[in-house]
Amino acid sequence: MGLSRPTSTVLGLGVLAGAARWIFECGFVVPLVQDPQSPIWVMFSTFTSVFFAVGVAGAAWLAFRGSGSTHLLLRLASVLPLLLLLGWYSAGLVHLVKLRSALLDSANPDTGANRLRELAESENGWRYEIDNRVAQHPNTPVDVLRSLHGRPDQVGTEMWLARNPNTPDDVLRAIAERDDDWAEYLQAALKQNPRYETVFGSDPSVLGSEPSALDLSETDVVTE
């Protein structure tokens, strides 16, 4: 026994809405982030998209059923859940569009100082990833580089700051003074900075294993 036309319509609407959200997020945003946590994002997006698809289908069915009511308030109440879900959906898409733009701009070598400052001050789903990119960008203003220093649980950002020749001397020295589990890696990152000898000379407090021995590459950024 086949499904009725209204049932097929609301199910199709739900599947279409959920699939569109998943495709945009996992096809146009997630691939821009080369991070071990990306599969977790895909799993979360899948769960959210399925939840949204079911919600839209249910809300559409409720709106369809309520459309035949003779009471205006009942008709309005039956449509309200669908409108709220579509509003949430639209806000989510706008957020993903902004996030995609932020990821692209932070990786673009031609991005200007004002946009980089805006990215460093904004909040989004991949805060540490964008901070890492801004911290290594050649056009990032000195005051922005200083503001990136010391952000909680962002060792990767500290390592990019350690490598960036535009990072202020006081920030480089503060990084060199860290004494924790990441100190060895930060010391090695500092030695990759073209201004290392200018800032530190032969200061024994920042002498450690050679960067090559730690195998730190431009693509293997440690993040917490």
Protein backbone atom coordinates (compact mmCIF):
# COMPACT_ATOMS: atom_id res chain seq x y z
CA MET A 1 0.00 0.00 0.00
CA GLY A 2 1.57 3.25 -1.16
CA LEU A 3 1.81 6.46 0.73
CA SER A 4 -0.79 9.15 0.20
CA ARG A 5 0.22 12.22 -1.78
CA PRO A 6 0.25 14.58 1.29
CA THR A 7 2.35 12.09 3.26
CA SER A 8 4.80 11.69 0.39
CA THR A 9 5.01 15.44 0.01
CA VAL A 10 5.83 16.17 3.65
CA LEU A 11 8.35 13.31 3.79
CA GLY A 12 9.98 14.57 0.61
CA LEU A 13 10.16 18.10 1.99
CA GLY A 14 11.83 16.85 5.17
CA VAL A 15 14.37 14.71 3.31
CA LEU A 16 15.16 17.55 0.89
CA ALA A 17 15.71 20.08 3.69
CA GLY A 18 17.89 17.73 5.76
CA ALA A 19 19.94 16.60 2.77
CA ALA A 20 20.50 20.17 1.58
CA ARG A 21 21.83 21.18 4.98
CA TRP A 22 24.12 18.15 5.23
CA ILE A 23 25.48 18.58 1.69
CA PHE A 24 26.28 22.25 2.23
CA GLU A 25 27.97 21.73 5.60
CA CYS A 26 29.88 18.54 4.81
CA GLY A 27 30.54 19.33 1.16
CA PHE A 28 31.45 23.02 1.27
CA VAL A 29 32.64 23.76 4.82
CA VAL A 30 34.17 20.67 6.42
CA PRO A 31 36.63 20.01 3.52
CA LEU A 32 38.19 23.43 4.17
CA VAL A 33 39.43 22.23 7.58
CA GLN A 34 42.24 19.67 7.61
CA ASP A 35 41.75 18.56 11.18
CA PRO A 36 41.50 15.20 12.97
CA GLN A 37 38.21 16.36 14.49
CA SER A 38 36.53 16.74 11.08
CA PRO A 39 34.91 13.26 11.23
CA ILE A 40 33.28 14.26 14.53
CA TRP A 41 31.86 17.34 12.82
CA VAL A 42 30.50 15.13 10.00
CA MET A 43 28.85 12.80 12.52
CA PHE A 44 27.30 15.73 14.39
CA SER A 45 26.11 17.27 11.12
CA THR A 46 24.55 13.96 10.09
CA PHE A 47 22.67 13.70 13.39
CA THR A 48 21.51 17.31 13.21
CA SER A 49 20.40 16.98 9.58
CA VAL A 50 18.39 13.80 10.29
CA PHE A 51 16.79 15.46 13.33
CA PHE A 52 15.95 18.49 11.22
CA ALA A 53 14.51 16.38 8.37
CA VAL A 54 12.21 14.53 10.79
CA GLY A 55 11.20 17.82 12.40
CA VAL A 56 10.40 19.48 9.08
CA ALA A 57 8.38 16.48 7.90
CA GLY A 58 6.39 16.44 11.15
CA ALA A 59 5.84 20.20 11.13
CA ALA A 60 4.81 20.14 7.46
CA TRP A 61 2.32 17.36 8.16
CA LEU A 62 0.90 19.35 11.08
CA ALA A 63 0.61 22.46 8.89
CA PHE A 64 -1.13 20.45 6.18
CA ARG A 65 -3.59 18.96 8.63
CA GLY A 66 -4.31 22.33 10.22
CA SER A 67 -4.79 24.13 6.91
CA GLY A 68 -8.29 22.72 6.58
CA SER A 69 -9.45 24.04 9.92
CA THR A 70 -12.14 26.68 10.01
CA HIS A 71 -10.53 28.37 13.01
CA LEU A 72 -7.92 31.01 12.18
CA LEU A 73 -5.98 30.55 15.40
CA LEU A 74 -5.78 26.81 14.86
CA ARG A 75 -4.50 27.30 11.33
CA LEU A 76 -1.87 29.74 12.58
CA ALA A 77 -0.84 27.42 15.41
CA SER A 78 -0.44 24.51 12.99
CA VAL A 79 1.90 26.53 10.76
CA LEU A 80 3.99 28.04 13.56
CA PRO A 81 6.27 24.99 14.19
CA LEU A 82 7.16 24.81 10.50
CA LEU A 83 7.94 28.53 10.39
CA LEU A 84 10.16 28.26 13.48
CA LEU A 85 12.07 25.31 12.03
CA LEU A 86 12.57 27.07 8.71
CA GLY A 87 13.79 30.16 10.57
CA TRP A 88 16.30 28.06 12.51
CA TYR A 89 17.31 26.38 9.27
CA SER A 90 17.90 29.74 7.55
CA ALA A 91 19.96 31.03 10.48
CA GLY A 92 22.07 27.87 10.35
CA LEU A 93 22.74 28.29 6.64
CA VAL A 94 23.74 31.92 7.15
CA HIS A 95 26.16 30.80 9.88
CA LEU A 96 27.67 28.16 7.58
CA VAL A 97 28.07 30.69 4.75
CA LYS A 98 29.89 33.08 7.12
CA LEU A 99 32.05 30.25 8.43
CA ARG A 100 33.00 29.16 4.91
CA SER A 101 33.90 32.76 4.06
CA ALA A 102 36.01 33.06 7.22
CA LEU A 103 37.90 29.85 6.48
CA LEU A 104 38.60 30.92 2.90
CA ASP A 105 39.64 34.46 3.81
CA SER A 106 41.91 33.37 6.66
CA ALA A 107 43.78 31.07 4.25
CA ASN A 108 43.97 33.59 1.41
CA PRO A 109 47.42 35.28 1.27
CA ASP A 110 45.81 38.40 -0.24
CA THR A 111 43.42 39.00 2.66
CA GLY A 112 43.90 42.47 4.14
CA ALA A 113 44.65 43.54 7.69
CA ASN A 114 41.12 44.77 8.46
CA ARG A 115 39.52 41.47 7.49
CA LEU A 116 42.11 39.52 9.51
CA ARG A 117 41.39 41.68 12.55
CA GLU A 118 37.68 40.99 12.10
CA LEU A 119 38.33 37.25 11.88
CA ALA A 120 40.45 37.27 15.06
CA GLU A 121 37.64 38.98 16.97
CA SER A 122 34.73 36.94 15.61
CA GLU A 123 33.15 33.83 17.12
CA ASN A 124 32.36 30.75 15.03
CA GLY A 125 32.41 26.97 15.07
CA TRP A 126 36.11 26.68 14.24
CA ARG A 127 37.62 29.37 16.46
CA TYR A 128 41.02 27.70 16.90
CA GLU A 129 41.35 26.83 13.19
CA ILE A 130 40.81 30.43 12.12
CA ASP A 131 43.08 31.69 14.91
CA ASN A 132 45.83 29.39 13.64
CA ARG A 133 45.48 30.77 10.13
CA VAL A 134 45.41 34.39 11.28
CA ALA A 135 48.44 33.76 13.52
CA GLN A 136 50.54 32.65 10.55
CA HIS A 137 49.21 35.17 8.01
CA PRO A 138 51.83 37.66 6.74
CA ASN A 139 49.31 40.53 6.69
CA THR A 140 48.07 40.17 10.28
CA PRO A 141 48.70 43.42 12.24
CA VAL A 142 51.05 43.26 15.21
CA ASP A 143 48.32 44.15 17.71
CA VAL A 144 46.18 41.29 16.44
CA LEU A 145 49.07 38.85 16.76
CA ARG A 146 49.52 40.00 20.35
CA SER A 147 45.80 39.49 21.04
CA LEU A 148 46.00 35.89 19.80
CA HIS A 149 48.70 35.04 22.31
CA GLY A 150 47.61 33.17 25.42
CA ARG A 151 44.18 32.04 24.28
CA PRO A 152 43.16 29.01 26.38
CA ASP A 153 43.77 25.52 24.95
CA GLN A 154 45.22 26.77 21.68
CA VAL A 155 48.79 25.49 21.55
CA GLY A 156 48.61 25.37 17.76
CA THR A 157 48.03 29.13 17.68
CA GLU A 158 51.04 29.64 19.95
CA MET A 159 53.19 27.55 17.59
CA TRP A 160 52.15 29.61 14.57
CA LEU A 161 52.87 32.80 16.50
CA ALA A 162 56.30 31.38 17.38
CA ARG A 163 57.06 30.90 13.67
CA ASN A 164 55.68 34.22 12.42
CA PRO A 165 58.47 36.82 11.92
CA ASN A 166 55.93 39.59 12.53
CA THR A 167 55.10 38.41 16.06
CA PRO A 168 56.23 41.03 18.64
CA ASP A 169 59.42 40.27 20.60
CA ASP A 170 57.64 40.26 23.95
CA VAL A 171 55.21 37.59 22.73
CA LEU A 172 58.06 35.45 21.39
CA ARG A 173 59.85 35.70 24.72
CA ALA A 174 56.68 34.82 26.60
CA ILE A 175 56.29 31.72 24.44
CA ALA A 176 59.92 30.80 25.09
CA GLU A 177 59.34 31.00 28.84
CA ARG A 178 56.58 28.39 28.89
CA ASP A 179 57.44 25.40 31.01
CA ASP A 180 54.85 22.71 30.34
CA ASP A 181 54.32 19.60 28.23
CA TRP A 182 54.43 21.67 25.04
CA ALA A 183 57.55 23.67 25.83
CA GLU A 184 59.85 21.48 23.74
CA TYR A 185 57.68 21.84 20.66
CA LEU A 186 57.30 25.57 21.15
CA GLN A 187 61.07 25.94 21.44
CA ALA A 188 61.45 24.14 18.13
CA ALA A 189 58.79 26.32 16.51
CA LEU A 190 60.62 29.43 17.71
CA LYS A 191 63.79 28.24 15.99
CA GLN A 192 61.87 28.17 12.71
CA ASN A 193 61.26 31.90 13.04
CA PRO A 194 63.60 33.89 10.73
CA ARG A 195 64.08 36.42 13.55
CA TYR A 196 65.05 33.84 16.14
CA GLU A 197 68.68 34.89 16.51
CA THR A 198 67.78 38.57 16.38
CA VAL A 199 65.41 38.18 19.32
CA PHE A 200 67.21 35.54 21.38
CA GLY A 201 70.79 35.44 20.16
CA SER A 202 72.48 32.56 21.98
CA ASP A 203 70.22 32.74 25.05
CA PRO A 204 70.56 29.30 26.65
CA SER A 205 67.05 29.47 28.10
CA VAL A 206 65.58 28.91 24.66
CA LEU A 207 68.03 26.28 23.45
CA GLY A 208 66.48 22.91 22.93
CA SER A 209 66.21 20.11 20.43
CA GLU A 210 66.61 21.09 16.81
CA PRO A 211 63.32 21.48 14.92
CA SER A 212 64.28 18.68 12.55
CA ALA A 213 64.56 16.26 15.44
CA LEU A 214 60.95 16.95 16.41
CA ASP A 215 59.76 16.68 12.81
CA LEU A 216 57.57 19.76 12.99
CA SER A 217 56.22 20.58 9.56
CA GLU A 218 54.00 23.33 8.27
CA THR A 219 51.12 20.87 8.02
CA ASP A 220 51.47 19.13 11.38
CA VAL A 221 50.19 21.80 13.75
CA VAL A 222 49.57 20.61 17.29
CA THR A 223 46.24 21.81 18.67
CA GLU A 224 44.41 21.21 21.86
